[in-house]
Amino acid sequence: MRIGLLIYGEMETLSGGYLYNRKLVSYLRSQSDQVEIISLPPRNYWRHLGDNFNNACHQHIAAAKVDILIQDAMVHPSVVLLNRHLSQQLKIPIVTLVHLLSSFDHHPWYSRWFYHAIEQHYLKSVSGVIANSQTTLKQVSGLLNNQLPPHCIAVPAGDHFPDPSINLDAISQKVLAPGPLKILVVGNVIRRKGLHVLIKALGELSAADFQVTVAGRLDMEPDYVEEIQKLIQSAHLQNQVILKGPIQGQLLADLYQQHHLMVLPSAYESYGIVYVEAQQFGLPVIGTTAGAAKEIIKHGDNGYLIAVEDHQALANLLQQLHDDRELLLTLSRNALAAFERHPIWDESCEIFRQFVYARLKKQA
């Protein structure tokens, strides 16, 4: 089978969605499937809409000569009107892989309806949907007025690091050792990830009790990064909050091993691969009640869920975990157990593959 994967930009882009795409392509190729990456240049939303009215995008896809086209749903503005022509002229099924719906991102009230309408039209143009979580699938269903095309859920996994050989003794020694609570934030420094909520929470506490490391890109929202730097300075946390920039691979694994807890108080997460990554290293996670974090974090068992922007609730939890290391140890053990129950990449990718083969067989 020759599978096309339509994306924006480079496959090596640092984000959970692109990591998913890379793992998927690697697995499909390991199963002797041919995968053709079809990349469109990343531009702004309005210029992407223009792709529907020129031949370049159509020709680029047609030249790949694929049996089935998988579209990362982020490319929806470029193909929202083009898909029906592609499907008819190329006679191939088109399936969307939905990591995150733009309709549920933060837009001004006066433009929200527009993004909703575009994405709804796009979802009606495909013959199948693969969602990364129950939450995402529910949102797709809502946009389609509960008239879903054939669909499945293939959740992201977290087993892409070399075996960290984490054991309960090592976790106990780390957690119970005296010293500050070491907090890890893994996420690009953009407003949606909620780093400002954590910094405001730390402003309520004794700075000497906490150490924060932030691993994520600093170039995506420069104004927000500047706001974060000012918050850090005004709270006198320059020695407690370290912005390391993007970290990957073994260096990121090392950070997970060195910290006690991960905090990512996002305004919304369509899933949250980093939550699962943290659990592999025995780190409890504090997320929010918005989005799909609740599918991974069990409140009071392997982490906590707070309301969006509730920095006071976060401050209370951080103080409690700093003071009660036995509680932190229990959460850590439960986080490790939760990871053991989570699907691995091969399992999720096989669900994806079987769904794609079923769509292709139906088209034949």
Protein backbone atom coordinates (compact mmCIF):
# COMPACT_ATOMS: atom_id res chain seq x y z
CA MET A 1 0.00 0.00 0.00
CA ARG A 2 1.25 3.47 -0.87
CA ILE A 3 0.13 5.96 1.77
CA GLY A 4 0.38 9.73 1.48
CA LEU A 5 0.72 11.87 4.60
CA LEU A 6 -0.06 15.55 4.06
CA ILE A 7 1.50 17.95 6.57
CA TYR A 8 2.75 21.48 6.91
CA GLY A 9 6.49 22.08 7.16
CA GLU A 10 9.08 19.62 8.42
CA MET A 11 8.47 16.24 10.04
CA GLU A 12 11.16 17.03 12.64
CA THR A 13 9.14 19.96 14.03
CA LEU A 14 9.13 19.85 17.84
CA SER A 15 5.58 19.14 19.00
CA GLY A 16 3.48 16.21 20.15
CA GLY A 17 1.58 16.06 16.85
CA TYR A 18 4.73 15.81 14.76
CA LEU A 19 6.18 13.20 17.13
CA TYR A 20 3.00 11.17 16.56
CA ASN A 21 3.43 11.54 12.79
CA ARG A 22 7.07 10.42 12.95
CA LYS A 23 6.26 7.34 15.02
CA LEU A 24 3.41 6.51 12.66
CA VAL A 25 5.53 6.77 9.52
CA SER A 26 8.29 4.68 11.08
CA TYR A 27 5.84 1.94 12.05
CA LEU A 28 4.09 1.83 8.67
CA ARG A 29 7.40 1.54 6.87
CA SER A 30 8.44 -1.25 9.25
CA GLN A 31 5.34 -3.12 8.05
CA SER A 32 6.49 -2.76 4.42
CA ASP A 33 4.03 0.00 3.57
CA GLN A 34 5.28 2.80 1.37
CA VAL A 35 4.75 6.23 2.91
CA GLU A 36 5.10 9.43 0.92
CA ILE A 37 5.43 12.63 2.98
CA ILE A 38 3.70 15.48 1.15
CA SER A 39 4.69 18.77 2.75
CA LEU A 40 3.07 22.14 2.15
CA PRO A 41 4.91 25.31 3.19
CA PRO A 42 3.73 26.66 6.58
CA ARG A 43 2.13 30.10 6.23
CA ASN A 44 -0.67 32.00 7.91
CA TYR A 45 -4.26 30.74 7.90
CA TRP A 46 -5.48 33.12 5.20
CA ARG A 47 -2.71 32.24 2.78
CA HIS A 48 -3.38 28.56 3.38
CA LEU A 49 -6.98 29.11 2.31
CA GLY A 50 -5.60 30.39 -1.00
CA ASP A 51 -4.17 26.91 -1.71
CA ASN A 52 -7.71 25.83 -2.62
CA PHE A 53 -7.72 28.18 -5.62
CA ASN A 54 -4.44 27.34 -7.33
CA ASN A 55 -3.25 24.22 -9.09
CA ALA A 56 0.06 23.90 -7.24
CA CYS A 57 -1.36 22.17 -4.17
CA HIS A 58 -3.49 19.79 -6.27
CA GLN A 59 -0.54 18.93 -8.52
CA HIS A 60 1.77 18.40 -5.55
CA ILE A 61 -0.62 15.84 -4.06
CA ALA A 62 -1.41 14.17 -7.40
CA ALA A 63 2.30 13.75 -8.16
CA ALA A 64 2.71 11.52 -5.10
CA LYS A 65 0.56 8.82 -6.75
CA VAL A 66 -0.77 7.35 -3.50
CA ASP A 67 -3.51 4.78 -2.85
CA ILE A 68 -4.89 6.65 0.14
CA LEU A 69 -4.26 10.15 1.49
CA ILE A 70 -3.91 10.80 5.21
CA GLN A 71 -4.17 14.48 6.11
CA ASP A 72 -2.91 15.86 9.39
CA ALA A 73 -5.98 17.93 10.25
CA MET A 74 -3.85 21.02 10.74
CA VAL A 75 -3.69 21.29 6.90
CA HIS A 76 -7.45 21.73 6.72
CA PRO A 77 -7.45 25.34 5.47
CA SER A 78 -5.37 24.33 2.42
CA VAL A 79 -7.75 21.53 1.34
CA VAL A 80 -11.15 22.46 2.75
CA LEU A 81 -12.52 23.11 -0.75
CA LEU A 82 -10.00 20.99 -2.63
CA ASN A 83 -10.73 17.63 -1.02
CA ARG A 84 -13.81 16.74 -3.03
CA HIS A 85 -11.94 17.38 -6.27
CA LEU A 86 -8.98 15.33 -5.04
CA SER A 87 -11.14 12.41 -4.06
CA GLN A 88 -13.07 12.40 -7.34
CA GLN A 89 -10.20 13.04 -9.73
CA LEU A 90 -7.59 10.87 -8.02
CA LYS A 91 -10.16 8.26 -6.95
CA ILE A 92 -8.58 7.77 -3.52
CA PRO A 93 -10.05 7.83 -0.01
CA ILE A 94 -9.07 10.77 2.18
CA VAL A 95 -8.74 10.27 5.93
CA THR A 96 -8.00 12.98 8.47
CA LEU A 97 -5.74 12.46 11.49
CA VAL A 98 -6.96 14.88 14.13
CA HIS A 99 -4.45 15.95 16.78
CA LEU A 100 -6.06 19.29 17.62
CA LEU A 101 -9.09 21.11 16.27
CA SER A 102 -8.62 24.78 15.50
CA SER A 103 -12.24 25.39 16.47
CA PHE A 104 -11.36 24.66 20.09
CA ASP A 105 -8.25 26.82 20.19
CA HIS A 106 -8.51 30.35 21.60
CA HIS A 107 -9.92 32.76 19.01
CA PRO A 108 -11.62 36.12 19.50
CA TRP A 109 -15.40 35.76 19.77
CA TYR A 110 -15.93 37.66 16.51
CA SER A 111 -13.88 35.15 14.46
CA ARG A 112 -14.66 31.91 16.30
CA TRP A 113 -17.67 31.20 14.08
CA PHE A 114 -15.46 31.45 10.98
CA TYR A 115 -12.96 28.82 12.16
CA HIS A 116 -15.87 26.64 13.24
CA ALA A 117 -17.47 26.84 9.78
CA ILE A 118 -14.23 26.15 7.90
CA GLU A 119 -13.33 23.16 10.04
CA GLN A 120 -16.85 21.76 9.91
CA HIS A 121 -16.80 21.95 6.11
CA TYR A 122 -13.41 20.26 6.07
CA LEU A 123 -14.53 17.37 8.26
CA LYS A 124 -17.47 16.77 5.93
CA SER A 125 -15.04 16.41 3.01
CA VAL A 126 -13.20 13.34 4.33
CA SER A 127 -14.17 9.68 4.28
CA GLY A 128 -12.70 8.76 7.65
CA VAL A 129 -11.50 10.24 10.93
CA ILE A 130 -8.68 9.04 13.19
CA ALA A 131 -8.69 10.90 16.52
CA ASN A 132 -5.96 11.03 19.12
CA SER A 133 -8.34 10.90 22.10
CA GLN A 134 -11.92 10.38 23.19
CA THR A 135 -12.12 14.11 23.83
CA THR A 136 -11.04 14.97 20.29
CA LEU A 137 -13.47 12.48 18.75
CA LYS A 138 -16.30 13.96 20.80
CA GLN A 139 -15.42 17.41 19.48
CA VAL A 140 -15.35 16.13 15.90
CA SER A 141 -18.76 14.58 16.47
CA GLY A 142 -20.08 17.88 17.79
CA LEU A 143 -18.85 19.77 14.72
CA LEU A 144 -20.56 17.19 12.51
CA ASN A 145 -23.82 17.28 14.46
CA ASN A 146 -23.18 13.70 15.64
CA GLN A 147 -23.00 12.39 12.05
CA LEU A 148 -19.54 10.88 12.19
CA PRO A 149 -17.99 9.14 9.17
CA PRO A 150 -16.11 5.87 9.85
CA HIS A 151 -13.67 6.60 12.67
CA CYS A 152 -11.31 5.22 15.28
CA ILE A 153 -9.17 6.40 18.21
CA ALA A 154 -5.42 5.76 18.19
CA VAL A 155 -3.97 7.41 21.28
CA PRO A 156 -0.37 8.66 21.43
CA ALA A 157 2.07 6.64 23.52
CA GLY A 158 5.09 7.56 25.58
CA ASP A 159 7.52 4.68 25.07
CA HIS A 160 9.82 6.47 22.61
CA PHE A 161 12.68 6.90 25.07
CA PRO A 162 15.26 4.16 25.64
CA ASP A 163 14.28 2.02 28.63
CA PRO A 164 15.01 4.34 31.58
CA SER A 165 15.26 1.39 34.00
CA ILE A 166 13.17 3.26 36.54
CA ASN A 167 12.47 1.29 39.69
CA LEU A 168 10.61 2.04 42.90
CA ASP A 169 13.78 2.21 45.00
CA ALA A 170 15.25 4.90 42.76
CA ILE A 171 11.99 6.85 42.85
CA SER A 172 11.82 6.59 46.63
CA GLN A 173 15.38 7.87 47.07
CA LYS A 174 14.74 10.82 44.77
CA VAL A 175 11.38 11.81 46.24
CA LEU A 176 12.29 11.44 49.92
CA ALA A 177 15.64 13.21 49.69
CA PRO A 178 15.65 16.61 51.43
CA GLY A 179 15.67 19.71 49.26
CA PRO A 180 13.40 21.75 47.01
CA LEU A 181 10.55 20.24 45.03
CA LYS A 182 11.89 19.89 41.48
CA ILE A 183 9.20 20.75 38.94
CA LEU A 184 9.51 20.07 35.22
CA VAL A 185 7.52 21.82 32.50
CA VAL A 186 7.68 20.20 29.06
CA GLY A 187 5.99 22.33 26.46
CA ASN A 188 6.65 25.18 24.10
CA VAL A 189 6.39 28.55 25.83
CA ILE A 190 3.06 29.68 24.40
CA ARG A 191 0.10 31.08 26.30
CA ARG A 192 -2.03 27.96 25.86
CA LYS A 193 0.48 25.91 27.88
CA GLY A 194 -0.12 28.07 30.96
CA LEU A 195 3.41 28.70 32.24
CA HIS A 196 2.21 32.03 33.66
CA VAL A 197 -0.17 30.11 35.94
CA LEU A 198 2.74 28.19 37.46
CA ILE A 199 4.83 31.33 37.97
CA LYS A 200 1.93 33.10 39.67
CA ALA A 201 1.50 30.05 41.92
CA LEU A 202 5.16 30.08 42.87
CA GLY A 203 4.81 33.76 43.76
CA GLU A 204 2.53 32.65 46.59
CA LEU A 205 5.15 30.29 48.06
CA SER A 206 8.63 30.33 49.52
CA ALA A 207 10.99 30.45 46.53
CA ALA A 208 13.62 28.35 48.28
CA ASP A 209 11.25 25.36 48.36
CA PHE A 210 10.94 24.99 44.59
CA GLN A 211 13.05 24.61 41.45
CA VAL A 212 11.47 24.77 37.98
CA THR A 213 12.95 23.70 34.65
CA VAL A 214 11.11 24.60 31.44
CA ALA A 215 11.90 22.56 28.30
CA GLY A 216 10.29 24.03 25.20
CA ARG A 217 10.69 26.42 22.31
CA LEU A 218 10.99 30.13 23.06
CA ASP A 219 10.46 31.49 19.54
CA MET A 220 6.81 30.76 18.85
CA GLU A 221 5.15 33.61 20.78
CA PRO A 222 7.86 36.20 21.51
CA ASP A 223 5.47 38.61 23.25
CA TYR A 224 4.35 35.87 25.62
CA VAL A 225 7.94 34.84 26.35
CA GLU A 226 8.71 38.45 27.22
CA GLU A 227 5.67 38.48 29.52
CA ILE A 228 6.93 35.32 31.22
CA GLN A 229 10.38 36.80 31.73
CA LYS A 230 8.86 39.90 33.34
CA LEU A 231 6.72 37.71 35.63
CA ILE A 232 9.81 35.77 36.70
CA GLN A 233 11.68 38.98 37.47
CA SER A 234 8.83 40.63 39.34
CA ALA A 235 8.44 37.53 41.51
CA HIS A 236 12.23 37.38 42.07
CA LEU A 237 12.34 33.84 40.70
CA GLN A 238 15.33 34.20 38.35
CA ASN A 239 17.24 31.53 40.28
CA GLN A 240 14.26 29.20 40.61
CA VAL A 241 12.82 29.17 37.06
CA ILE A 242 15.16 28.14 34.24
CA LEU A 243 14.03 28.42 30.59
CA LYS A 244 16.18 25.85 28.79
CA GLY A 245 14.66 26.07 25.33
CA PRO A 246 13.85 22.98 23.23
CA ILE A 247 15.16 19.69 24.61
CA GLN A 248 14.78 16.28 22.96
CA GLY A 249 15.99 12.71 23.17
CA GLN A 250 18.24 11.54 25.97
CA LEU A 251 18.66 15.06 27.36
CA LEU A 252 14.90 15.25 27.89
CA ALA A 253 14.89 11.77 29.43
CA ASP A 254 17.57 12.97 31.84
CA LEU A 255 15.38 15.91 32.87
CA TYR A 256 12.46 13.59 33.59
CA GLN A 257 14.73 11.44 35.75
CA GLN A 258 16.03 14.43 37.69
CA HIS A 259 12.68 15.96 38.65
CA HIS A 260 9.90 15.08 41.09
CA LEU A 261 6.81 16.38 39.35
CA MET A 262 5.59 17.70 36.01
CA VAL A 263 3.27 20.69 35.82
CA LEU A 264 1.51 21.77 32.62
CA PRO A 265 -1.58 23.88 33.45
CA SER A 266 -2.69 24.24 29.83
CA ALA A 267 -5.80 26.09 28.79
CA TYR A 268 -6.44 23.09 26.56
CA GLU A 269 -4.73 19.85 25.54
CA SER A 270 -6.20 17.57 22.89
CA TYR A 271 -4.26 14.75 24.53
CA GLY A 272 -0.86 15.48 26.05
CA ILE A 273 1.93 13.06 25.09
CA VAL A 274 4.20 14.68 27.69
CA TYR A 275 1.82 13.55 30.45
CA VAL A 276 2.44 9.94 29.40
CA GLU A 277 6.18 10.56 29.02
CA ALA A 278 6.31 11.87 32.59
CA GLN A 279 4.53 8.79 33.92
CA GLN A 280 7.16 6.53 32.34
CA PHE A 281 9.68 8.13 34.71
CA GLY A 282 7.37 7.98 37.71
CA LEU A 283 6.48 11.67 37.67
CA PRO A 284 2.99 12.65 38.79
CA VAL A 285 1.45 15.38 36.63
CA ILE A 286 -0.64 18.43 37.43
CA GLY A 287 -2.80 19.45 34.47
CA THR A 288 -6.17 21.10 34.05
CA THR A 289 -9.75 19.97 33.71
CA ALA A 290 -9.90 21.35 30.16
CA GLY A 291 -9.37 19.00 27.24
CA ALA A 292 -8.14 15.41 27.37
CA ALA A 293 -5.77 15.56 30.34
CA LYS A 294 -8.41 13.71 32.37
CA GLU A 295 -7.95 10.69 30.09
CA ILE A 296 -4.40 10.32 31.45
CA ILE A 297 -4.36 12.03 34.86
CA LYS A 298 -6.56 10.52 37.57
CA HIS A 299 -7.14 13.26 40.12
CA GLY A 300 -5.65 12.38 43.50
CA ASP A 301 -4.27 9.08 42.23
CA ASN A 302 -1.41 9.74 39.79
CA GLY A 303 -1.64 13.52 39.69
CA TYR A 304 -4.09 16.39 39.96
CA LEU A 305 -6.41 18.42 37.75
CA ILE A 306 -7.05 22.08 38.47
CA ALA A 307 -9.35 24.59 36.82
CA VAL A 308 -7.81 26.65 34.02
CA GLU A 309 -5.97 29.73 35.36
CA ASP A 310 -6.46 28.67 39.00
CA HIS A 311 -2.98 29.55 40.25
CA GLN A 312 -4.10 29.50 43.90
CA ALA A 313 -5.21 25.86 43.68
CA LEU A 314 -1.90 25.04 42.03
CA ALA A 315 0.02 26.84 44.76
CA ASN A 316 -1.83 24.84 47.43
CA LEU A 317 -1.02 21.54 45.71
CA LEU A 318 2.65 22.40 45.26
CA GLN A 319 2.99 23.32 48.92
CA GLN A 320 1.27 20.10 49.95
CA LEU A 321 3.53 17.96 47.77
CA HIS A 322 6.64 19.74 49.01
CA ASP A 323 5.62 19.20 52.63
CA ASP A 324 4.25 15.65 52.28
CA ARG A 325 6.83 13.60 50.41
CA GLU A 326 5.10 10.34 51.32
CA LEU A 327 2.06 11.54 49.39
CA LEU A 328 4.32 12.50 46.49
CA LEU A 329 5.87 9.03 46.60
CA THR A 330 2.44 7.37 46.44
CA LEU A 331 1.50 9.51 43.44
CA SER A 332 4.84 8.64 41.80
CA ARG A 333 4.27 4.92 42.20
CA ASN A 334 0.77 5.27 40.78
CA ALA A 335 2.09 7.29 37.83
CA LEU A 336 4.55 4.53 36.99
CA ALA A 337 1.77 1.92 37.22
CA ALA A 338 -0.45 4.05 34.96
CA PHE A 339 2.26 4.13 32.31
CA GLU A 340 2.51 0.33 32.37
CA ARG A 341 -1.20 0.15 31.48
CA HIS A 342 -0.93 2.64 28.64
CA PRO A 343 -0.79 1.43 25.01
CA ILE A 344 2.62 1.46 23.38
CA TRP A 345 3.32 3.11 20.01
CA ASP A 346 3.20 -0.15 18.05
CA GLU A 347 -0.28 -0.90 19.39
CA SER A 348 -1.66 2.53 18.54
CA CYS A 349 -0.01 2.59 15.12
CA GLU A 350 -1.48 -0.83 14.30
CA ILE A 351 -4.96 0.46 15.13
CA PHE A 352 -4.27 3.30 12.69
CA ARG A 353 -2.97 0.89 10.02
CA GLN A 354 -5.93 -1.48 10.26
CA PHE A 355 -8.34 1.45 9.93
CA VAL A 356 -6.51 2.75 6.84
CA TYR A 357 -6.56 -0.69 5.22
CA ALA A 358 -10.31 -0.96 5.89
CA ARG A 359 -10.90 2.42 4.21
CA LEU A 360 -8.84 1.34 1.21
CA LYS A 361 -10.66 -1.98 0.91
CA LYS A 362 -14.03 -0.23 1.03
CA GLN A 363 -12.95 2.16 -1.74
CA ALA A 364 -11.87 -0.70 -4.02
